[in-house]
C-alpha atoms as a PDB file:
ATOM      1  CA  MET A   1     -46.817 -63.897 -31.246  1.00  0.00           C
ATOM      2  CA  ARG A   2     -45.487 -62.409 -28.004  1.00  0.00           C
ATOM      3  CA  ALA A   3     -42.842 -59.726 -27.971  1.00  0.00           C
ATOM      4  CA  ARG A   4     -39.992 -62.082 -26.507  1.00  0.00           C
ATOM      5  CA  GLN A   5     -40.500 -65.014 -29.161  1.00  0.00           C
ATOM      6  CA  TRP A   6     -39.612 -62.305 -31.810  1.00  0.00           C
ATOM      7  CA  PHE A   7     -36.511 -62.219 -29.597  1.00  0.00           C
ATOM      8  CA  ALA A   8     -36.005 -65.227 -29.936  1.00  0.00           C
ATOM      9  CA  LEU A   9     -35.879 -65.178 -33.649  1.00  0.00           C
ATOM     10  CA  ALA A  10     -32.536 -62.769 -33.462  1.00  0.00           C
ATOM     11  CA  SER A  11     -29.743 -65.226 -33.490  1.00  0.00           C
ATOM     12  CA  CYS A  12     -30.693 -67.317 -36.410  1.00  0.00           C
ATOM     13  CA  ALA A  13     -30.142 -64.172 -38.525  1.00  0.00           C
ATOM     14  CA  LEU A  14     -26.422 -64.622 -37.302  1.00  0.00           C
ATOM     15  CA  ALA A  15     -24.769 -65.837 -40.356  1.00  0.00           C
ATOM     16  CA  LEU A  16     -21.247 -64.834 -39.771  1.00  0.00           C
ATOM     17  CA  PRO A  17     -18.777 -66.055 -42.249  1.00  0.00           C
ATOM     18  CA  GLY A  18     -17.984 -66.900 -38.973  1.00  0.00           C
ATOM     19  CA  PRO A  19     -15.833 -65.712 -24.914  1.00  0.00           C
ATOM     20  CA  GLY A  20     -13.910 -67.690 -23.268  1.00  0.00           C
ATOM     21  CA  ALA A  21     -10.064 -68.220 -22.448  1.00  0.00           C
ATOM     22  CA  ALA A  22      -7.187 -67.827 -24.923  1.00  0.00           C
ATOM     23  CA  THR A  23      -6.739 -71.337 -24.210  1.00  0.00           C
ATOM     24  CA  SER A  24      -9.822 -72.239 -25.897  1.00  0.00           C
ATOM     25  CA  ALA A  25      -9.035 -71.142 -29.259  1.00  0.00           C
ATOM     26  CA  PRO A  26      -7.898 -73.850 -31.849  1.00  0.00           C
ATOM     27  CA  ARG A  27      -4.859 -74.687 -33.017  1.00  0.00           C
ATOM     28  CA  ALA A  28      -3.446 -72.899 -36.023  1.00  0.00           C
ATOM     29  CA  ALA A  29       0.703 -72.532 -37.217  1.00  0.00           C
ATOM     30  CA  HIS A  30       2.728 -72.703 -34.536  1.00  0.00           C
ATOM     31  CA  GLU A  31       5.078 -70.137 -34.986  1.00  0.00           C
ATOM     32  CA  VAL A  32       1.473 -67.735 -35.098  1.00  0.00           C
ATOM     33  CA  ARG A  33      -0.679 -69.366 -32.369  1.00  0.00           C
ATOM     34  CA  ALA A  34       2.560 -69.002 -30.181  1.00  0.00           C
ATOM     35  CA  ALA A  35       2.056 -65.124 -30.810  1.00  0.00           C
ATOM     36  CA  PRO A  36       1.161 -63.812 -27.596  1.00  0.00           C
ATOM     37  CA  VAL A  37      -2.087 -61.793 -26.695  1.00  0.00           C
ATOM     38  CA  ALA A  38      -1.147 -58.260 -27.227  1.00  0.00           C
ATOM     39  CA  GLN A  39      -4.756 -56.573 -26.180  1.00  0.00           C
ATOM     40  CA  GLU A  40      -8.335 -58.453 -25.757  1.00  0.00           C
ATOM     41  CA  ARG A  41     -11.343 -56.246 -25.318  1.00  0.00           C
ATOM     42  CA  TYR A  42     -14.911 -58.182 -24.673  1.00  0.00           C
ATOM     43  CA  TYR A  43     -18.453 -56.838 -25.460  1.00  0.00           C
ATOM     44  CA  THR A  44     -22.382 -56.942 -24.657  1.00  0.00           C
ATOM     45  CA  MET A  45     -24.397 -58.464 -27.420  1.00  0.00           C
ATOM     46  CA  ASN A  46     -27.974 -55.914 -27.720  1.00  0.00           C
ATOM     47  CA  ALA A  47     -30.748 -57.464 -30.199  1.00  0.00           C
ATOM     48  CA  ARG A  48     -33.454 -55.929 -32.135  1.00  0.00           C
ATOM     49  CA  VAL A  49     -35.967 -57.133 -33.973  1.00  0.00           C
ATOM     50  CA  ARG A  50     -39.024 -56.143 -36.545  1.00  0.00           C
ATOM     51  CA  PRO A  51     -41.756 -58.371 -36.617  1.00  0.00           C
ATOM     52  CA  LEU A  52     -43.698 -55.595 -38.903  1.00  0.00           C
ATOM     53  CA  PHE A  53     -43.530 -52.061 -38.662  1.00  0.00           C
ATOM     54  CA  PHE A  54     -41.772 -51.147 -34.712  1.00  0.00           C
ATOM     55  CA  TRP A  55     -38.451 -52.394 -33.824  1.00  0.00           C
ATOM     56  CA  ILE A  56     -38.330 -54.260 -30.373  1.00  0.00           C
ATOM     57  CA  ARG A  57     -34.918 -54.366 -28.567  1.00  0.00           C
ATOM     58  CA  LYS A  58     -33.466 -56.351 -25.954  1.00  0.00           C
ATOM     59  CA  ASN A  59     -30.579 -55.995 -24.192  1.00  0.00           C
ATOM     60  CA  ASP A  60     -27.527 -58.160 -22.594  1.00  0.00           C
ATOM     61  CA  VAL A  61     -28.805 -61.414 -25.500  1.00  0.00           C
ATOM     62  CA  GLY A  62     -25.345 -62.301 -26.087  1.00  0.00           C
ATOM     63  CA  GLU A  63     -21.704 -61.479 -26.291  1.00  0.00           C
ATOM     64  CA  ALA A  64     -19.048 -61.233 -27.978  1.00  0.00           C
ATOM     65  CA  ARG A  65     -14.670 -61.269 -26.964  1.00  0.00           C
ATOM     66  CA  ILE A  66     -11.956 -59.258 -30.077  1.00  0.00           C
ATOM     67  CA  THR A  67      -8.395 -60.584 -29.311  1.00  0.00           C
ATOM     68  CA  TRP A  68      -5.367 -59.518 -31.109  1.00  0.00           C
ATOM     69  CA  ARG A  69      -2.275 -61.246 -30.862  1.00  0.00           C
ATOM     70  CA  ARG A  70       1.310 -59.838 -31.755  1.00  0.00           C
ATOM     71  CA  GLY A  71       4.439 -62.179 -31.883  1.00  0.00           C
ATOM     72  CA  THR A  72       8.092 -61.678 -32.957  1.00  0.00           C
ATOM     73  CA  ALA A  73       9.284 -61.679 -36.920  1.00  0.00           C
ATOM     74  CA  GLY A  74       5.818 -60.396 -37.602  1.00  0.00           C
ATOM     75  CA  ALA A  75       3.808 -62.901 -36.258  1.00  0.00           C
ATOM     76  CA  HIS A  76       0.296 -61.473 -34.949  1.00  0.00           C
ATOM     77  CA  GLY A  77      -3.282 -62.262 -35.435  1.00  0.00           C
ATOM     78  CA  TYR A  78      -6.816 -61.570 -34.919  1.00  0.00           C
ATOM     79  CA  GLU A  79      -9.994 -63.597 -33.626  1.00  0.00           C
ATOM     80  CA  LEU A  80     -13.043 -63.261 -33.044  1.00  0.00           C
ATOM     81  CA  LEU A  81     -16.352 -64.378 -30.865  1.00  0.00           C
ATOM     82  CA  VAL A  82     -19.788 -64.124 -31.052  1.00  0.00           C
ATOM     83  CA  GLY A  83     -22.658 -64.735 -30.793  1.00  0.00           C
ATOM     84  CA  SER A  84     -25.908 -65.666 -28.253  1.00  0.00           C
ATOM     85  CA  ASP A  85     -26.406 -66.823 -24.597  1.00  0.00           C
ATOM     86  CA  PRO A  86     -28.108 -69.374 -23.802  1.00  0.00           C
ATOM     87  CA  LEU A  87     -28.025 -68.847 -20.198  1.00  0.00           C
ATOM     88  CA  LYS A  88     -29.640 -64.871 -21.226  1.00  0.00           C
ATOM     89  CA  ALA A  89     -30.902 -64.697 -24.365  1.00  0.00           C
ATOM     90  CA  PRO A  90     -35.086 -65.771 -24.565  1.00  0.00           C
ATOM     91  CA  ARG A  91     -35.680 -69.516 -24.935  1.00  0.00           C
ATOM     92  CA  LYS A  92     -32.168 -70.340 -24.481  1.00  0.00           C
ATOM     93  CA  ILE A  93     -31.474 -69.869 -28.365  1.00  0.00           C
ATOM     94  CA  ASN A  94     -27.830 -70.317 -29.040  1.00  0.00           C
ATOM     95  CA  LYS A  95     -26.311 -69.484 -32.108  1.00  0.00           C
ATOM     96  CA  TRP A  96     -23.329 -68.055 -32.119  1.00  0.00           C
ATOM     97  CA  GLY A  97     -19.628 -67.385 -34.717  1.00  0.00           C
ATOM     98  CA  TYR A  98     -16.328 -67.921 -34.625  1.00  0.00           C
ATOM     99  CA  LEU A  99     -13.167 -66.306 -37.427  1.00  0.00           C
ATOM    100  CA  ALA A 100      -9.662 -66.641 -36.239  1.00  0.00           C
ATOM    101  CA  GLU A 101      -6.873 -65.242 -39.003  1.00  0.00           C
ATOM    102  CA  HIS A 102      -3.102 -66.085 -37.839  1.00  0.00           C
ATOM    103  CA  LEU A 103      -0.312 -64.448 -39.897  1.00  0.00           C
ATOM    104  CA  LEU A 104       3.526 -64.834 -40.421  1.00  0.00           C
ATOM    105  CA  ASN A 105       5.060 -63.188 -43.477  1.00  0.00           C
ATOM    106  CA  ASP A 106       3.488 -63.866 -46.545  1.00  0.00           C
ATOM    107  CA  GLU A 107       1.487 -67.215 -45.188  1.00  0.00           C
ATOM    108  CA  ALA A 108      -1.662 -67.203 -43.048  1.00  0.00           C
ATOM    109  CA  THR A 109      -4.233 -69.797 -41.636  1.00  0.00           C
ATOM    110  CA  ILE A 110      -8.108 -69.078 -41.094  1.00  0.00           C
ATOM    111  CA  VAL A 111     -10.107 -71.280 -38.856  1.00  0.00           C
ATOM    112  CA  GLY A 112     -14.009 -70.529 -38.663  1.00  0.00           C
ATOM    113  CA  VAL A 113     -16.501 -72.125 -37.010  1.00  0.00           C
ATOM    114  CA  MET A 114     -20.767 -71.236 -37.361  1.00  0.00           C
ATOM    115  CA  LYS A 115     -23.527 -72.947 -35.301  1.00  0.00           C
ATOM    116  CA  GLN A 116     -25.541 -73.518 -38.579  1.00  0.00           C
ATOM    117  CA  ALA A 117     -28.420 -70.939 -39.379  1.00  0.00           C
ATOM    118  CA  LYS A 118     -29.595 -69.665 -42.431  1.00  0.00           C
ATOM    119  CA  ALA A 119     -32.923 -68.023 -42.709  1.00  0.00           C
ATOM    120  CA  GLU A 120     -33.653 -65.884 -44.883  1.00  0.00           C
ATOM    121  CA  SER A 121     -37.434 -64.507 -43.244  1.00  0.00           C
ATOM    122  CA  VAL A 122     -39.784 -64.216 -40.118  1.00  0.00           C
ATOM    123  CA  GLU A 123     -41.110 -67.478 -40.979  1.00  0.00           C
ATOM    124  CA  ASP A 124     -37.651 -69.420 -41.541  1.00  0.00           C
ATOM    125  CA  ALA A 125     -36.305 -68.765 -38.163  1.00  0.00           C
ATOM    126  CA  GLU A 126     -39.288 -69.394 -36.350  1.00  0.00           C
ATOM    127  CA  GLY A 127     -39.009 -73.498 -38.497  1.00  0.00           C
ATOM    128  CA  GLN A 128     -35.235 -73.105 -37.624  1.00  0.00           C
ATOM    129  CA  ILE A 129     -36.152 -73.250 -33.337  1.00  0.00           C
ATOM    130  CA  ALA A 130     -39.044 -75.062 -33.901  1.00  0.00           C
ATOM    131  CA  ARG A 131     -36.904 -77.904 -35.278  1.00  0.00           C
ATOM    132  CA  GLU A 132     -33.361 -77.061 -32.829  1.00  0.00           C
ATOM    133  CA  GLY A 133     -32.249 -80.339 -31.473  1.00  0.00           C
ATOM    134  CA  GLN A 134     -34.077 -83.172 -34.181  1.00  0.00           C
ATOM    135  CA  GLY A 135     -31.615 -85.252 -35.031  1.00  0.00           C
ATOM    136  CA  GLY A 136     -28.053 -83.244 -33.362  1.00  0.00           C
ATOM    137  CA  TYR A 137     -27.147 -80.292 -33.679  1.00  0.00           C
ATOM    138  CA  VAL A 138     -24.884 -78.652 -36.953  1.00  0.00           C
ATOM    139  CA  PHE A 139     -22.354 -76.764 -37.197  1.00  0.00           C
ATOM    140  CA  GLU A 140     -20.124 -75.694 -39.827  1.00  0.00           C
ATOM    141  CA  THR A 141     -16.519 -75.799 -39.676  1.00  0.00           C
ATOM    142  CA  ILE A 142     -14.150 -74.320 -41.937  1.00  0.00           C
ATOM    143  CA  ARG A 143     -10.434 -74.500 -42.062  1.00  0.00           C
ATOM    144  CA  ALA A 144      -8.251 -72.750 -44.523  1.00  0.00           C
ATOM    145  CA  SER A 145      -4.230 -71.348 -45.320  1.00  0.00           C
ATOM    146  CA  VAL A 146      -2.691 -69.498 -47.485  1.00  0.00           C
ATOM    147  CA  MET A 147       0.818 -70.437 -48.582  1.00  0.00           C
ATOM    148  CA  ASN A 148       3.200 -69.153 -51.801  1.00  0.00           C
ATOM    149  CA  GLY A 149       0.714 -66.872 -53.058  1.00  0.00           C
ATOM    150  CA  GLN A 150      -2.141 -70.266 -53.071  1.00  0.00           C
ATOM    151  CA  PHE A 151      -5.592 -70.410 -50.678  1.00  0.00           C
ATOM    152  CA  THR A 152      -6.281 -74.156 -49.300  1.00  0.00           C
ATOM    153  CA  ALA A 153      -9.929 -74.443 -47.811  1.00  0.00           C
ATOM    154  CA  ALA A 154     -11.886 -77.726 -46.612  1.00  0.00           C
ATOM    155  CA  THR A 155     -15.291 -77.409 -45.038  1.00  0.00           C
ATOM    156  CA  VAL A 156     -17.046 -79.448 -42.735  1.00  0.00           C
ATOM    157  CA  GLN A 157     -20.229 -80.229 -41.527  1.00  0.00           C
ATOM    158  CA  VAL A 158     -19.935 -81.739 -37.376  1.00  0.00           C
ATOM    159  CA  ARG A 159     -23.148 -82.857 -35.523  1.00  0.00           C
ATOM    160  CA  THR A 160     -23.010 -83.023 -32.377  1.00  0.00           C
ATOM    161  CA  PRO A 161     -25.811 -84.754 -29.592  1.00  0.00           C
ATOM    162  CA  THR A 162     -25.601 -81.697 -27.364  1.00  0.00           C
ATOM    163  CA  ASP A 163     -25.596 -77.958 -27.968  1.00  0.00           C
ATOM    164  CA  LEU A 164     -22.664 -77.013 -27.644  1.00  0.00           C
ATOM    165  CA  THR A 165     -22.789 -72.831 -26.488  1.00  0.00           C
ATOM    166  CA  LEU A 166     -19.431 -70.660 -28.010  1.00  0.00           C
ATOM    167  CA  ARG A 167     -17.469 -71.126 -24.941  1.00  0.00           C
ATOM    168  CA  ASP A 168     -17.320 -74.702 -26.644  1.00  0.00           C
ATOM    169  CA  VAL A 169     -15.442 -73.490 -29.441  1.00  0.00           C
ATOM    170  CA  GLY A 170     -11.671 -75.358 -28.984  1.00  0.00           C
ATOM    171  CA  ALA A 171     -13.864 -78.647 -27.857  1.00  0.00           C
ATOM    172  CA  LEU A 172     -15.720 -78.330 -31.358  1.00  0.00           C
ATOM    173  CA  LEU A 173     -12.830 -77.664 -33.462  1.00  0.00           C
ATOM    174  CA  GLY A 174     -10.856 -80.673 -32.043  1.00  0.00           C
ATOM    175  CA  ARG A 175     -13.618 -82.847 -33.642  1.00  0.00           C
ATOM    176  CA  VAL A 176     -12.953 -82.271 -37.000  1.00  0.00           C
ATOM    177  CA  GLU A 177     -11.114 -84.499 -39.254  1.00  0.00           C
ATOM    178  CA  ILE A 178     -10.524 -82.373 -42.337  1.00  0.00           C
ATOM    179  CA  GLY A 179      -8.110 -84.646 -43.472  1.00  0.00           C
ATOM    180  CA  ALA A 180     -11.820 -86.534 -45.181  1.00  0.00           C
ATOM    181  CA  ALA A 181     -13.252 -82.966 -46.862  1.00  0.00           C
ATOM    182  CA  ALA A 182     -12.713 -82.124 -50.229  1.00  0.00           C
ATOM    183  CA  ALA A 183     -10.086 -79.313 -49.926  1.00  0.00           C
ATOM    184  CA  ARG A 184     -10.194 -76.572 -53.061  1.00  0.00           C
ATOM    185  CA  THR A 185      -7.728 -74.335 -54.226  1.00  0.00           C
ATOM    186  CA  ARG A 186      -7.185 -70.918 -55.684  1.00  0.00           C
ATOM    187  CA  GLN A 187      -4.252 -68.743 -56.413  1.00  0.00           C
ATOM    188  CA  VAL A 188      -4.562 -65.455 -54.566  1.00  0.00           C
ATOM    189  CA  PRO A 189      -5.202 -61.681 -56.182  1.00  0.00           C
ATOM    190  CA  GLN A 190      -2.259 -59.684 -54.910  1.00  0.00           C
ATOM    191  CA  ALA A 191      -2.908 -57.414 -52.171  1.00  0.00           C
ATOM    192  CA  THR A 192      -5.701 -59.643 -51.386  1.00  0.00           C
ATOM    193  CA  ALA A 193      -5.993 -59.615 -47.909  1.00  0.00           C
ATOM    194  CA  PRO A 194      -6.343 -63.479 -46.620  1.00  0.00           C
ATOM    195  CA  GLY A 195      -9.493 -63.410 -44.763  1.00  0.00           C
ATOM    196  CA  PHE A 196     -12.450 -60.353 -42.706  1.00  0.00           C
ATOM    197  CA  LEU A 197     -10.402 -59.519 -40.058  1.00  0.00           C
ATOM    198  CA  THR A 198      -6.892 -58.800 -41.284  1.00  0.00           C
ATOM    199  CA  ALA A 199      -8.679 -56.521 -44.052  1.00  0.00           C
ATOM    200  CA  LEU A 200     -11.045 -54.745 -41.462  1.00  0.00           C
ATOM    201  CA  ALA A 201      -8.055 -54.120 -38.923  1.00  0.00           C
ATOM    202  CA  GLY A 202      -5.772 -52.387 -41.978  1.00  0.00           C
ATOM    203  CA  LEU A 203      -9.308 -50.120 -42.942  1.00  0.00           C
ATOM    204  CA  LEU A 204      -8.964 -48.946 -39.074  1.00  0.00           C
ATOM    205  CA  ASN A 205      -4.860 -48.605 -38.527  1.00  0.00           C
ATOM    206  CA  GLU A 206      -5.169 -46.260 -42.082  1.00  0.00           C
ATOM    207  CA  THR A 207      -7.926 -44.361 -40.643  1.00  0.00           C
ATOM    208  CA  THR A 208      -6.289 -43.477 -36.999  1.00  0.00           C
ATOM    209  CA  THR A 209      -3.105 -42.956 -38.616  1.00  0.00           C
ATOM    210  CA  ALA A 210      -4.478 -40.362 -40.811  1.00  0.00           C
ATOM    211  CA  ALA A 211      -6.485 -39.066 -38.096  1.00  0.00           C
ATOM    212  CA  THR A 212      -6.170 -35.828 -37.230  1.00  0.00           C
ATOM    213  CA  THR A 213      -7.759 -33.926 -33.646  1.00  0.00           C
ATOM    214  CA  GLY A 214     -10.958 -31.901 -34.147  1.00  0.00           C
ATOM    215  CA  ALA A 215     -14.560 -32.639 -34.049  1.00  0.00           C
ATOM    216  CA  ASN A 216     -16.457 -33.728 -36.603  1.00  0.00           C
ATOM    217  CA  LEU A 217     -14.184 -33.255 -38.999  1.00  0.00           C
ATOM    218  CA  ARG A 218     -14.688 -35.179 -42.667  1.00  0.00           C
ATOM    219  CA  LEU A 219     -12.073 -37.757 -43.494  1.00  0.00           C
ATOM    220  CA  ARG A 220     -10.416 -38.771 -46.777  1.00  0.00           C
ATOM    221  CA  LEU A 221     -11.919 -42.331 -47.003  1.00  0.00           C
ATOM    222  CA  PRO A 222      -8.769 -45.318 -47.742  1.00  0.00           C
ATOM    223  CA  GLU A 223      -9.433 -46.815 -50.732  1.00  0.00           C
ATOM    224  CA  PRO A 224     -11.615 -50.645 -50.461  1.00  0.00           C
ATOM    225  CA  ARG A 225      -9.717 -53.412 -49.220  1.00  0.00           C
ATOM    226  CA  VAL A 226      -9.605 -57.209 -50.932  1.00  0.00           C
ATOM    227  CA  TYR A 227     -10.295 -60.158 -48.834  1.00  0.00           C
ATOM    228  CA  MET A 228     -10.922 -64.089 -49.452  1.00  0.00           C
ATOM    229  CA  TYR A 229     -13.224 -65.820 -47.633  1.00  0.00           C
ATOM    230  CA  ASN A 230     -13.792 -69.936 -48.393  1.00  0.00           C
ATOM    231  CA  GLY A 231     -12.063 -69.479 -51.717  1.00  0.00           C
ATOM    232  CA  ARG A 232     -14.218 -66.361 -52.301  1.00  0.00           C
ATOM    233  CA  LEU A 233     -13.367 -63.244 -53.152  1.00  0.00           C
ATOM    234  CA  TYR A 234     -15.156 -59.636 -51.028  1.00  0.00           C
ATOM    235  CA  ASP A 235     -14.462 -56.328 -50.599  1.00  0.00           C
ATOM    236  CA  LEU A 236     -14.621 -54.063 -47.571  1.00  0.00           C
ATOM    237  CA  GLU A 237     -15.678 -50.576 -47.762  1.00  0.00           C
ATOM    238  CA  LEU A 238     -15.641 -47.369 -46.198  1.00  0.00           C
ATOM    239  CA  ARG A 239     -18.434 -45.259 -47.127  1.00  0.00           C
ATOM    240  CA  SER A 240     -18.205 -42.771 -45.446  1.00  0.00           C
ATOM    241  CA  LEU A 241     -15.881 -41.980 -41.819  1.00  0.00           C
ATOM    242  CA  HIS A 242     -16.345 -39.378 -39.566  1.00  0.00           C
ATOM    243  CA  ALA A 243     -14.164 -37.996 -36.298  1.00  0.00           C
ATOM    244  CA  ARG A 244     -16.495 -36.958 -32.962  1.00  0.00           C
ATOM    245  CA  PRO A 245     -15.045 -35.756 -29.548  1.00  0.00           C
ATOM    246  CA  ALA A 246     -16.952 -38.886 -28.187  1.00  0.00           C
ATOM    247  CA  LEU A 247     -19.229 -41.718 -27.434  1.00  0.00           C
ATOM    248  CA  THR A 248     -21.159 -42.574 -24.575  1.00  0.00           C
ATOM    249  CA  ALA A 249     -21.908 -46.586 -24.919  1.00  0.00           C
ATOM    250  CA  GLY A 250     -22.526 -48.675 -21.949  1.00  0.00           C
ATOM    251  CA  GLY A 251     -22.502 -46.196 -19.540  1.00  0.00           C
ATOM    252  CA  ASN A 252     -19.125 -45.344 -20.253  1.00  0.00           C
ATOM    253  CA  ARG A 253     -17.469 -42.244 -22.118  1.00  0.00           C
ATOM    254  CA  TYR A 254     -14.709 -42.822 -25.270  1.00  0.00           C
ATOM    255  CA  GLY A 255     -13.512 -40.027 -26.649  1.00  0.00           C
ATOM    256  CA  PRO A 256     -11.945 -39.120 -29.634  1.00  0.00           C
ATOM    257  CA  VAL A 257     -13.634 -41.461 -31.967  1.00  0.00           C
ATOM    258  CA  LEU A 258     -14.214 -42.388 -36.168  1.00  0.00           C
ATOM    259  CA  ASP A 259     -17.405 -43.370 -36.521  1.00  0.00           C
ATOM    260  CA  GLY A 260     -17.847 -45.413 -40.123  1.00  0.00           C
ATOM    261  CA  ASP A 261     -20.588 -46.994 -42.111  1.00  0.00           C
ATOM    262  CA  PHE A 262     -18.455 -49.898 -44.112  1.00  0.00           C
ATOM    263  CA  VAL A 263     -20.152 -52.488 -46.720  1.00  0.00           C
ATOM    264  CA  VAL A 264     -18.890 -55.748 -47.545  1.00  0.00           C
ATOM    265  CA  ILE A 265     -19.890 -56.855 -51.323  1.00  0.00           C
ATOM    266  CA  ASN A 266     -19.400 -60.842 -53.200  1.00  0.00           C
ATOM    267  CA  ARG A 267     -17.484 -60.434 -55.932  1.00  0.00           C
ATOM    268  CA  ALA A 268     -19.720 -63.252 -57.527  1.00  0.00           C
ATOM    269  CA  THR A 269     -22.790 -62.566 -56.400  1.00  0.00           C
ATOM    270  CA  ARG A 270     -23.150 -58.957 -56.110  1.00  0.00           C
ATOM    271  CA  GLU A 271     -24.760 -59.118 -52.196  1.00  0.00           C
ATOM    272  CA  VAL A 272     -23.902 -56.342 -50.242  1.00  0.00           C
ATOM    273  CA  THR A 273     -23.746 -56.501 -46.394  1.00  0.00           C
ATOM    274  CA  ARG A 274     -23.890 -53.178 -44.178  1.00  0.00           C
ATOM    275  CA  PHE A 275     -22.535 -52.826 -41.020  1.00  0.00           C
ATOM    276  CA  SER A 276     -21.424 -49.333 -38.836  1.00  0.00           C
ATOM    277  CA  MET A 277     -18.421 -49.059 -36.083  1.00  0.00           C
ATOM    278  CA  VAL A 278     -17.377 -46.408 -33.887  1.00  0.00           C
ATOM    279  CA  TYR A 279     -13.909 -47.275 -32.805  1.00  0.00           C
ATOM    280  CA  GLY A 280     -11.129 -45.218 -30.510  1.00  0.00           C
ATOM    281  CA  ARG A 281      -9.083 -42.582 -32.446  1.00  0.00           C
ATOM    282  CA  THR A 282      -6.080 -42.739 -29.848  1.00  0.00           C
ATOM    283  CA  GLY A 283      -4.521 -44.127 -27.294  1.00  0.00           C
ATOM    284  CA  GLU A 284      -4.720 -47.296 -26.033  1.00  0.00           C
ATOM    285  CA  LEU A 285      -8.713 -47.748 -27.348  1.00  0.00           C
ATOM    286  CA  ARG A 286      -6.587 -46.779 -31.059  1.00  0.00           C
ATOM    287  CA  GLY A 287      -8.177 -48.911 -33.423  1.00  0.00           C
ATOM    288  CA  VAL A 288     -10.581 -50.863 -30.936  1.00  0.00           C
ATOM    289  CA  PRO A 289     -14.198 -51.008 -31.946  1.00  0.00           C
ATOM    290  CA  LEU A 290     -16.587 -49.429 -29.138  1.00  0.00           C
ATOM    291  CA  LYS A 291     -19.870 -49.747 -30.700  1.00  0.00           C
ATOM    292  CA  VAL A 292     -20.683 -52.124 -33.951  1.00  0.00           C
ATOM    293  CA  VAL A 293     -23.994 -52.417 -35.767  1.00  0.00           C
ATOM    294  CA  PHE A 294     -24.664 -55.038 -37.276  1.00  0.00           C
ATOM    295  CA  ARG A 295     -27.681 -55.554 -39.668  1.00  0.00           C
ATOM    296  CA  PRO A 296     -27.557 -58.704 -41.638  1.00  0.00           C
ATOM    297  CA  LYS A 297     -31.225 -58.807 -42.131  1.00  0.00           C
ATOM    298  CA  TRP A 298     -34.625 -56.125 -42.695  1.00  0.00           C
ATOM    299  CA  TRP A 299     -35.473 -57.417 -39.147  1.00  0.00           C
ATOM    300  CA  PHE A 300     -33.139 -57.981 -37.180  1.00  0.00           C
ATOM    301  CA  GLU A 301     -30.207 -56.124 -36.506  1.00  0.00           C
ATOM    302  CA  ALA A 302     -27.693 -56.836 -33.295  1.00  0.00           C
ATOM    303  CA  GLU A 303     -25.188 -54.352 -31.364  1.00  0.00           C
ATOM    304  CA  LEU A 304     -22.269 -54.714 -29.644  1.00  0.00           C
ATOM    305  CA  ILE A 305     -21.085 -52.765 -27.129  1.00  0.00           C
ATOM    306  CA  LEU A 306     -17.442 -52.797 -25.704  1.00  0.00           C
ATOM    307  CA  GLY A 307     -17.562 -53.769 -21.723  1.00  0.00           C
ATOM    308  CA  ASP A 308     -15.881 -55.830 -18.993  1.00  0.00           C
ATOM    309  CA  ALA A 309     -13.955 -58.619 -19.328  1.00  0.00           C
ATOM    310  CA  PRO A 310     -16.395 -61.555 -17.318  1.00  0.00           C
ATOM    311  CA  HIS A 311     -15.324 -62.161 -13.672  1.00  0.00           C
END
């Protein structure tokens, strides 16, 4: 198979637990959704595929956007939109995911969407590509909330006649009739974050707050964070952390930075997912991811590099 075809398999491995304008995000609890954007960062997605023994790389196959929200009375939130761009990706592959967590005091609203992609091997990915569009396009959505110590979630599959891109996330979620789905509830253990983004933000804030100046400084690892997604409990751990004087990525130089290796552990299945992240240590880039490397499958790796806002 030619190299460009291997890259077409890349986005089939992007099974996220879940950019466009900020107004395209779905509605959540009013107080939280009204929180203004504190900052917004845009990323270029590169990909590598290993069909046999060697990695094959292609740059600029997709994009991502991370949004931080801050409002009055403690309202805040985090949003992640990431995926391939069919205008750039080989064979116009279109796989993407969106995750939003909006919080106010002890309440939270979580919204997620992912274009269906669960390839466990290169062969599975090839089959998904061959069947793409037959009988419509399938998206999985989740809406969840945390209130009074109880987590409630409902998952709905949405089938569309046309292939929606990551820029259509608002329109897609507007079609979900969540009331027709069976909701699942469970009690939330104490000290449990309502979602992955909130747990990660906590780790980044704690490590940047504790960091001091200096190159190659070994830092004390924080306690793991527990979070819930779709009614399941996960542990987010920082396995290693180093202070670096600078990072050069995407033609830009940033510094000082922290370089960490993370793992996510599914408490029920014990499945482990690893990713690494270099993030700003001080100033306006404090706690902002600058480079993220995620390898959900042994044969696929995605890399996000901080870039400029789209024109």
